[in-house]
Amino acid sequence: MLRFNTELQRAKNPQLSAAIKLVEDVKENGNHITAMLSFSDLLQLGGYTAVEYCGGPSMIFRMGRKDVETEGEASNALTITDAHHENSVMVSKFDMMGLEPEEYVAIMGSYTMGFASDDNKGKKGRWTMNPYVFDNSYFKEVLVGHDSRYLKTEGDLRLLHDSDLKEWVEKYAEDQELFFENYAKAHVKISERG
């Protein structure tokens, strides 16, 4: 993550600015453990904690992430150079991290929590009935497709157009424990790679 006293702090995104302030507060006013963690570690720890707090799997957190110094370093890590199909940008980002189809689909399941934006917290602003619970309901809603009462983006619906990905959507809709197991592996893998 960029150091918080640089460009990100002046971001026009109020949600990002609020999150930065919260992490800075934890860093400054936390305990001896939070003082040792990088800002990147603190952000990742927040993600681990949110998933577990909302009923998702427990994951082993390892510290040691380095904060990048410039915006250029951050964007170089996400450069996409190869785009061959309609979903290539999203898939390429995860391919670069070495995710298998079951891990990629599991990570998409993180949309079981939260809202698309603070401006729209109605049914069409969330992916599932209860956006405060981490469970496998996202996959059940994806299988309903356009008939879902909740938000479905083209990225969500594309999971149904690839037979390898659709197979995992169906498995996770049926088996929450399998989803949790593969989600935890994928989350840790991404978290530890940056």
Foldseek 3Di string as FASTA:
>chain_A
DEDCVDDQCVDPDPVSVVVSVVLVCCCVPPDPVSVPADSLLSVLVVVQVQQVVQPFDHADRDGDDDHDHDPVVVVVLQDDDDDDDDLCSLVVSVVVLVDDLLLSLLQVLLLLADFCDPVDPDQAGGQAPDNSHRWLRSLVQLVCPPVRSYHDDVNSVVLCVDVSSNVSSVVCNVDGVSSRVSNNVSSNSVSVVD
